[in-house]
């Protein structure tokens, strides 16, 4: 019986590793279709500037928190104090690689709205909406406020209720989650108004859906192997990110393949 349980545990760990790297590849490749489509069309018409702008903010925050949970000894120690039954953060090497890679691709996509740099056509008068500007400024303010609170607070490194550097990382994680909840809405509404998904790369959505499902699967497996679901609650960005992404992916797939299928001017290859 013990041998069988050990065998299942080994299989689960292997599945977690495979899921992790497959989701890393799927989500990493999902950032290529949009900039490639923009480059092929020499235009960003059809893509809202809100989407890449919030993506940059989100992945700066996500990269910060992910690298801290993986590399920073102080943050990892504070995590262990707050989660004694599962003291090792569920952030993996593929999470770090994904975050850094995604940040670079998002930055490139955002710069494609700079006509002087790329020479691409863009819809006239397209600026970030007031709501998105508010989310952007509010997120920065939240990070600064928590950072200031950590600096001035009397810190006891062994007290799980004390303000600590890990709280800044949690806020950064929540910034990424908030950004993910907001960033898709302007694009979905833009598609709705145009009754078309032209200019919006559907390949990124198909790959994003694959990555979201496998990301959640890996997190659940890792938490099960640790015999404690604080691996999920202690890593809210990864768990929430996967669920929110799946929800909006389904909306975009419905728009592209069902609602506005006959309204799109051209078909798209998977990678733009």
Protein backbone atom coordinates (compact mmCIF):
# COMPACT_ATOMS: atom_id res chain seq x y z
CA UNK A 1 0.00 0.00 0.00
CA UNK A 2 2.82 2.39 0.91
CA UNK A 3 4.59 1.55 -2.36
CA UNK A 4 1.42 2.30 -4.30
CA UNK A 5 0.97 5.63 -2.52
CA UNK A 6 4.60 6.51 -3.19
CA UNK A 7 4.09 5.64 -6.85
CA UNK A 8 1.03 7.88 -7.11
CA UNK A 9 2.93 10.70 -5.42
CA UNK A 10 5.77 10.39 -7.91
CA UNK A 11 3.29 10.39 -10.79
CA UNK A 12 1.57 13.49 -9.40
CA UNK A 13 4.90 15.32 -9.07
CA UNK A 14 5.81 14.38 -12.62
CA UNK A 15 2.41 15.61 -13.84
CA UNK A 16 2.94 18.89 -11.98
CA UNK A 17 6.30 19.40 -13.67
CA UNK A 18 4.87 18.62 -17.11
CA UNK A 19 1.83 20.84 -16.59
CA UNK A 20 4.08 23.63 -15.36
CA UNK A 21 6.29 23.71 -18.40
CA UNK A 22 3.45 23.15 -20.88
CA UNK A 23 1.48 26.02 -19.36
CA UNK A 24 4.67 28.10 -19.42
CA UNK A 25 5.03 27.41 -23.16
CA UNK A 26 1.33 27.98 -23.91
CA UNK A 27 1.13 31.23 -21.97
CA UNK A 28 4.51 32.38 -23.28
CA UNK A 29 3.54 31.77 -26.91
CA UNK A 30 0.22 33.53 -26.24
CA UNK A 31 2.07 36.85 -26.17
CA UNK A 32 3.32 36.51 -29.75
CA UNK A 33 0.11 36.50 -31.87
CA UNK A 34 -0.88 40.10 -31.07
CA UNK A 35 2.42 41.88 -31.80
CA UNK A 36 2.93 39.66 -34.85
CA UNK A 37 -0.58 40.50 -36.11
CA UNK A 38 0.08 44.19 -35.53
CA UNK A 39 3.36 43.90 -37.43
CA UNK A 40 1.75 42.01 -40.32
CA UNK A 41 -1.08 44.57 -40.61
CA UNK A 42 1.21 47.53 -39.84
CA UNK A 43 -1.64 48.69 -37.64
CA UNK A 44 -2.99 48.56 -34.10
CA UNK A 45 -6.55 49.37 -35.19
CA UNK A 46 -8.94 46.97 -33.48
CA UNK A 47 -6.76 46.66 -30.37
CA UNK A 48 -7.51 48.98 -27.45
CA UNK A 49 -4.50 50.71 -25.90
CA UNK A 50 -5.94 49.82 -22.48
CA UNK A 51 -5.05 46.16 -22.94
CA UNK A 52 -1.26 46.41 -23.45
CA UNK A 53 -0.95 49.30 -20.97
CA UNK A 54 -2.54 47.29 -18.17
CA UNK A 55 -0.57 44.23 -19.25
CA UNK A 56 2.68 46.10 -18.62
CA UNK A 57 1.51 47.19 -15.16
CA UNK A 58 0.25 43.71 -14.36
CA UNK A 59 3.39 41.90 -15.36
CA UNK A 60 5.69 44.36 -13.63
CA UNK A 61 3.74 43.54 -10.46
CA UNK A 62 3.63 39.82 -11.19
CA UNK A 63 7.35 39.64 -11.98
CA UNK A 64 8.14 41.49 -8.75
CA UNK A 65 6.07 39.16 -6.55
CA UNK A 66 7.06 35.96 -8.36
CA UNK A 67 10.78 36.68 -8.19
CA UNK A 68 10.48 37.64 -4.52
CA UNK A 69 8.68 34.42 -3.58
CA UNK A 70 11.24 32.37 -5.51
CA UNK A 71 14.56 34.13 -4.82
CA UNK A 72 14.22 36.34 -1.74
CA UNK A 73 15.16 34.52 1.48
CA UNK A 74 13.40 37.06 3.71
CA UNK A 75 10.09 36.75 1.85
CA UNK A 76 10.34 32.96 1.74
CA UNK A 77 11.02 32.89 5.50
CA UNK A 78 8.01 35.12 6.17
CA UNK A 79 5.88 32.85 3.99
CA UNK A 80 6.97 29.82 6.02
CA UNK A 81 6.01 31.58 9.27
CA UNK A 82 2.55 32.43 7.95
CA UNK A 83 2.00 29.00 6.39
CA UNK A 84 3.65 26.53 8.81
CA UNK A 85 1.85 23.47 7.43
CA UNK A 86 3.05 24.22 3.89
CA UNK A 87 6.16 26.38 4.38
CA UNK A 88 7.45 26.28 0.79
CA UNK A 89 5.88 28.79 -1.65
CA UNK A 90 4.22 27.15 -4.67
CA UNK A 91 6.02 29.50 -7.06
CA UNK A 92 8.14 27.45 -9.47
CA UNK A 93 11.02 28.20 -11.82
CA UNK A 94 8.64 28.17 -14.79
CA UNK A 95 6.58 30.90 -13.08
CA UNK A 96 9.64 33.14 -12.90
CA UNK A 97 10.61 32.46 -16.51
CA UNK A 98 7.06 33.11 -17.67
CA UNK A 99 6.75 36.40 -15.78
CA UNK A 100 9.97 37.90 -17.15
CA UNK A 101 9.28 36.75 -20.70
CA UNK A 102 5.69 38.04 -20.60
CA UNK A 103 6.78 41.44 -19.33
CA UNK A 104 9.16 41.87 -22.27
CA UNK A 105 6.52 40.89 -24.87
CA UNK A 106 3.86 43.11 -23.27
CA UNK A 107 6.24 46.06 -23.35
CA UNK A 108 6.90 45.46 -27.06
CA UNK A 109 3.16 45.30 -27.81
CA UNK A 110 2.54 48.55 -25.94
CA UNK A 111 5.29 50.37 -27.85
CA UNK A 112 3.56 49.42 -31.12
CA UNK A 113 1.09 52.20 -30.35
CA UNK A 114 3.98 54.66 -30.67
CA UNK A 115 3.64 55.62 -34.32
CA UNK A 116 6.97 57.42 -34.39
CA UNK A 117 8.76 54.24 -33.34
CA UNK A 118 6.99 51.63 -35.47
CA UNK A 119 5.11 53.70 -38.06
CA UNK A 120 1.96 51.66 -37.50
CA UNK A 121 -1.53 52.98 -38.18
CA UNK A 122 -3.57 53.57 -35.05
CA UNK A 123 -7.17 54.63 -34.56
CA UNK A 124 -7.38 58.43 -34.08
CA UNK A 125 -7.99 59.70 -30.57
CA UNK A 126 -7.24 56.36 -28.96
CA UNK A 127 -6.05 56.95 -25.42
CA UNK A 128 -6.32 54.97 -22.23
CA UNK A 129 -9.79 55.29 -20.73
CA UNK A 130 -10.30 57.15 -17.46
CA UNK A 131 -11.19 53.93 -15.68
CA UNK A 132 -7.95 52.32 -16.81
CA UNK A 133 -5.97 55.42 -15.83
CA UNK A 134 -7.62 55.22 -12.41
CA UNK A 135 -6.72 51.54 -12.04
CA UNK A 136 -3.14 52.30 -13.07
CA UNK A 137 -2.69 55.19 -10.63
CA UNK A 138 -4.57 53.42 -7.83
CA UNK A 139 -2.39 50.33 -8.15
CA UNK A 140 0.80 52.34 -7.94
CA UNK A 141 -0.57 54.24 -4.93
CA UNK A 142 -1.52 51.00 -3.18
CA UNK A 143 1.97 49.58 -3.59
CA UNK A 144 3.55 52.78 -2.28
CA UNK A 145 1.22 52.95 0.74
CA UNK A 146 1.90 49.36 1.79
CA UNK A 147 5.62 49.82 1.19
CA UNK A 148 5.60 52.90 3.43
CA UNK A 149 3.64 51.01 6.11
CA UNK A 150 6.23 48.23 6.11
CA UNK A 151 9.06 50.72 6.46
CA UNK A 152 7.62 52.66 9.41
CA UNK A 153 6.01 49.71 11.24
CA UNK A 154 7.72 48.03 14.19
CA UNK A 155 8.55 44.69 12.61
CA UNK A 156 8.87 41.39 14.41
CA UNK A 157 10.16 38.91 11.80
CA UNK A 158 8.71 35.97 13.72
CA UNK A 159 5.23 37.48 14.17
CA UNK A 160 2.93 36.41 11.31
CA UNK A 161 0.63 39.37 12.02
CA UNK A 162 3.37 41.97 11.73
CA UNK A 163 3.79 44.11 8.61
CA UNK A 164 6.60 42.66 6.51
CA UNK A 165 8.08 42.67 3.03
CA UNK A 166 5.84 39.76 2.08
CA UNK A 167 2.82 42.08 2.36
CA UNK A 168 4.21 44.23 -0.45
CA UNK A 169 4.48 41.10 -2.57
CA UNK A 170 0.90 40.13 -1.77
CA UNK A 171 -0.28 43.59 -2.83
CA UNK A 172 1.71 43.21 -6.05
CA UNK A 173 -0.01 39.85 -6.58
CA UNK A 174 -3.42 41.46 -6.10
CA UNK A 175 -2.50 44.26 -8.50
CA UNK A 176 -1.89 41.62 -11.15
CA UNK A 177 -5.21 39.98 -10.34
CA UNK A 178 -7.09 43.30 -10.48
CA UNK A 179 -5.40 44.18 -13.76
CA UNK A 180 -6.42 40.82 -15.23
CA UNK A 181 -10.03 41.39 -14.17
CA UNK A 182 -10.09 44.83 -15.79
CA UNK A 183 -7.86 44.61 -18.85
CA UNK A 184 -10.13 42.37 -20.93
CA UNK A 185 -13.30 44.45 -20.44
CA UNK A 186 -12.44 47.37 -22.79
CA UNK A 187 -11.41 44.95 -25.54
CA UNK A 188 -14.54 42.80 -25.17
CA UNK A 189 -16.68 45.96 -25.29
CA UNK A 190 -14.75 47.27 -28.31
CA UNK A 191 -15.40 43.99 -30.13
CA UNK A 192 -19.07 44.26 -29.17
CA UNK A 193 -19.39 47.80 -30.56
CA UNK A 194 -17.59 46.91 -33.79
CA UNK A 195 -19.41 43.55 -34.05
CA UNK A 196 -16.02 42.19 -35.12
CA UNK A 197 -12.77 40.87 -33.70
CA UNK A 198 -10.59 42.25 -36.51
CA UNK A 199 -7.27 43.43 -35.09
CA UNK A 200 -7.64 41.16 -32.04
CA UNK A 201 -5.45 38.04 -32.30
CA UNK A 202 -7.58 35.01 -31.40
CA UNK A 203 -4.45 32.83 -31.26
CA UNK A 204 -3.43 34.47 -28.00
CA UNK A 205 -6.80 33.53 -26.50
CA UNK A 206 -6.59 29.86 -27.48
CA UNK A 207 -3.10 29.60 -26.00
CA UNK A 208 -4.13 31.60 -22.94
CA UNK A 209 -7.02 29.19 -22.27
CA UNK A 210 -4.64 26.23 -22.43
CA UNK A 211 -2.24 27.93 -20.04
CA UNK A 212 -4.98 28.90 -17.60
CA UNK A 213 -6.31 25.36 -17.27
CA UNK A 214 -2.86 23.84 -16.78
CA UNK A 215 -1.77 26.57 -14.35
CA UNK A 216 -4.70 25.81 -12.06
CA UNK A 217 -4.10 22.07 -12.41
CA UNK A 218 -0.45 22.44 -11.37
CA UNK A 219 -1.32 24.61 -8.38
CA UNK A 220 -3.97 22.15 -7.16
CA UNK A 221 -1.59 19.20 -7.55
CA UNK A 222 1.18 20.99 -5.64
CA UNK A 223 -1.22 21.91 -2.83
CA UNK A 224 -2.49 18.33 -2.66
CA UNK A 225 1.06 16.99 -2.43
CA UNK A 226 1.77 19.42 0.41
CA UNK A 227 -1.40 18.20 2.18
CA UNK A 228 -2.45 21.79 2.77
CA UNK A 229 -4.58 24.09 0.63
CA UNK A 230 -2.80 27.18 1.90
CA UNK A 231 -0.70 26.64 -1.20
CA UNK A 232 -3.73 28.00 -3.04
CA UNK A 233 -4.71 30.73 -0.58
CA UNK A 234 -1.05 31.67 -0.12
CA UNK A 235 -0.61 32.18 -3.87
CA UNK A 236 -3.74 34.16 -4.82
CA UNK A 237 -2.30 35.67 -7.99
CA UNK A 238 -1.64 32.34 -9.67
CA UNK A 239 -4.97 30.77 -8.68
CA UNK A 240 -7.09 33.83 -9.40
CA UNK A 241 -5.22 34.63 -12.60
CA UNK A 242 -6.01 31.24 -14.10
CA UNK A 243 -9.73 31.42 -13.29
CA UNK A 244 -10.26 34.99 -14.51
CA UNK A 245 -8.34 34.31 -17.72
CA UNK A 246 -10.46 31.26 -18.50
CA UNK A 247 -13.68 33.25 -18.01
CA UNK A 248 -12.68 35.99 -20.47
CA UNK A 249 -11.11 33.53 -22.90
CA UNK A 250 -14.51 31.88 -23.27
CA UNK A 251 -16.07 35.30 -23.97
CA UNK A 252 -13.55 36.10 -26.72
CA UNK A 253 -13.82 32.65 -28.28
CA UNK A 254 -17.60 33.08 -28.38
CA UNK A 255 -17.25 36.50 -30.01
CA UNK A 256 -14.78 35.32 -32.62
CA UNK A 257 -16.19 31.94 -33.61
CA UNK A 258 -19.93 32.39 -32.97
CA UNK A 259 -21.25 35.94 -32.57
CA UNK A 260 -19.12 37.80 -35.13
CA UNK A 261 -17.85 34.92 -37.23
CA UNK A 262 -19.12 36.34 -40.52
CA UNK A 263 -18.02 39.90 -39.79
CA UNK A 264 -14.25 39.39 -39.68
CA UNK A 265 -12.37 40.56 -42.75
CA UNK A 266 -9.70 37.87 -42.68
CA UNK A 267 -8.67 34.64 -41.03
CA UNK A 268 -5.70 34.57 -38.68
CA UNK A 269 -2.90 32.05 -38.28
CA UNK A 270 -2.41 30.85 -34.71
CA UNK A 271 0.62 33.07 -34.12
CA UNK A 272 -0.77 36.18 -35.77
